[in-house]
Amino acid sequence: MTNKRSDIRISVELDENQIPEKLKWTAKDGGVDQAEAKAMLLSIWDSKQKETLRIDLWTKDMPVDEMKQFFHQTLVAMADTFERATTDEKMSATMRDFCDYFAEKLELKA
């Protein structure tokens, strides 16, 4: 039996100062081919070192108001993922309460 392989590719175009100008990503199995993005956060768990490895990138033309919205949506998604992964409803609700507080303080529209 052959295991299926699925690749996700991220392409970063840098300016002369090594600052991202363009981010593109491809996930053929998901029907995505060279889609543009303005920001990305990638976390990978290193089980040997018991630590999270991260890549946080955003293009120099990413608007601050969109970055705030991006972070809010990411935090909400993390609360949802945490609940699915751990079934800890109490902590997930606490995380969502923080997300509501975060949105309120940043004056984000629902």
Protein backbone atom coordinates (compact mmCIF):
# COMPACT_ATOMS: atom_id res chain seq x y z
CA MET A 1 0.00 0.00 0.00
CA THR A 2 1.33 3.41 -0.97
CA ASN A 3 0.90 6.34 1.41
CA LYS A 4 -0.46 9.48 -0.17
CA ARG A 5 1.67 12.59 -0.02
CA SER A 6 0.28 16.11 -0.01
CA ASP A 7 2.49 19.18 -0.29
CA ILE A 8 1.86 22.74 0.79
CA ARG A 9 4.28 25.24 -0.71
CA ILE A 10 4.98 28.76 0.46
CA SER A 11 6.87 31.17 -1.75
CA VAL A 12 8.32 34.41 -0.38
CA GLU A 13 9.60 37.19 -2.62
CA LEU A 14 12.00 39.51 -0.77
CA ASP A 15 13.16 43.03 -1.50
CA GLU A 16 16.82 44.07 -1.43
CA ASN A 17 16.62 44.36 2.40
CA GLN A 18 15.25 40.82 2.80
CA ILE A 19 11.77 42.13 3.66
CA PRO A 20 8.84 40.14 2.23
CA GLU A 21 7.15 41.84 -0.70
CA LYS A 22 4.95 38.96 -1.84
CA LEU A 23 3.71 35.79 -0.22
CA LYS A 24 2.16 33.04 -2.32
CA TRP A 25 1.00 29.59 -1.34
CA THR A 26 -0.03 26.43 -3.14
CA ALA A 27 -1.99 23.44 -1.83
CA LYS A 28 -2.99 21.45 -4.90
CA ASP A 29 -5.15 19.02 -2.89
CA GLY A 30 -7.11 22.02 -1.61
CA GLY A 31 -7.44 23.61 -5.03
CA VAL A 32 -5.07 26.47 -4.21
CA ASP A 33 -2.42 27.44 -6.76
CA GLN A 34 -0.14 30.42 -6.19
CA ALA A 35 -2.71 32.31 -4.09
CA GLU A 36 -1.43 35.62 -2.77
CA ALA A 37 -1.41 36.41 0.94
CA LYS A 38 -0.34 39.42 2.99
CA ALA A 39 0.58 37.55 6.17
CA MET A 40 1.13 34.07 7.58
CA LEU A 41 1.82 32.47 10.93
CA LEU A 42 3.17 28.93 10.92
CA SER A 43 3.80 26.91 14.08
CA ILE A 44 5.45 23.50 14.06
CA TRP A 45 5.83 21.30 17.14
CA ASP A 46 9.29 19.81 17.61
CA SER A 47 8.54 16.79 19.79
CA LYS A 48 12.22 16.02 20.40
CA GLN A 49 13.01 19.46 21.80
CA LYS A 50 9.48 19.96 23.22
CA GLU A 51 9.23 23.41 21.69
CA THR A 52 7.32 25.30 19.05
CA LEU A 53 9.15 26.46 15.94
CA ARG A 54 7.61 29.46 14.22
CA ILE A 55 7.65 31.36 10.99
CA ASP A 56 5.82 34.69 11.15
CA LEU A 57 5.83 36.69 7.92
CA TRP A 58 3.93 39.63 6.55
CA THR A 59 4.45 41.80 3.52
CA LYS A 60 5.56 45.37 3.93
CA ASP A 61 2.25 46.56 2.50
CA MET A 62 0.09 44.65 5.00
CA PRO A 63 -2.23 47.29 6.51
CA VAL A 64 -2.19 47.53 10.32
CA ASP A 65 -5.99 47.36 10.54
CA GLU A 66 -5.95 44.09 8.57
CA MET A 67 -3.13 42.76 10.78
CA LYS A 68 -5.29 43.37 13.86
CA GLN A 69 -8.20 41.54 12.24
CA PHE A 70 -5.86 38.73 11.13
CA PHE A 71 -4.62 38.26 14.70
CA HIS A 72 -8.16 38.28 16.11
CA GLN A 73 -9.34 35.66 13.64
CA THR A 74 -6.24 33.56 14.30
CA LEU A 75 -6.84 33.66 18.06
CA VAL A 76 -10.48 32.59 17.58
CA ALA A 77 -9.36 29.75 15.32
CA MET A 78 -6.79 28.67 17.92
CA ALA A 79 -9.53 28.48 20.57
CA ASP A 80 -11.60 26.29 18.23
CA THR A 81 -8.63 24.07 17.41
CA PHE A 82 -7.67 23.79 21.07
CA GLU A 83 -11.17 22.56 21.90
CA ARG A 84 -11.17 19.99 19.08
CA ALA A 85 -7.70 18.77 20.04
CA THR A 86 -8.18 18.59 23.83
CA THR A 87 -11.99 18.60 24.41
CA ASP A 88 -11.28 21.15 27.17
CA GLU A 89 -14.45 23.22 26.85
CA LYS A 90 -13.75 25.37 29.92
CA MET A 91 -10.34 26.59 28.74
CA SER A 92 -11.65 27.04 25.20
CA ALA A 93 -14.42 29.27 26.52
CA THR A 94 -11.82 31.24 28.50
CA MET A 95 -9.78 31.67 25.33
CA ARG A 96 -12.88 32.91 23.47
CA ASP A 97 -13.56 35.39 26.29
CA PHE A 98 -10.06 36.76 25.72
CA CYS A 99 -10.78 36.95 21.98
CA ASP A 100 -13.88 39.04 22.72
CA TYR A 101 -11.79 41.31 24.99
CA PHE A 102 -9.09 41.58 22.32
CA ALA A 103 -11.68 42.59 19.67
CA GLU A 104 -13.28 45.09 22.04
CA LYS A 105 -9.99 46.77 22.92
CA LEU A 106 -9.01 46.99 19.23
CA GLU A 107 -12.50 48.22 18.34
CA LEU A 108 -12.93 45.50 15.72
CA LYS A 109 -16.35 45.18 14.15
CA ALA A 110 -17.97 41.75 14.41
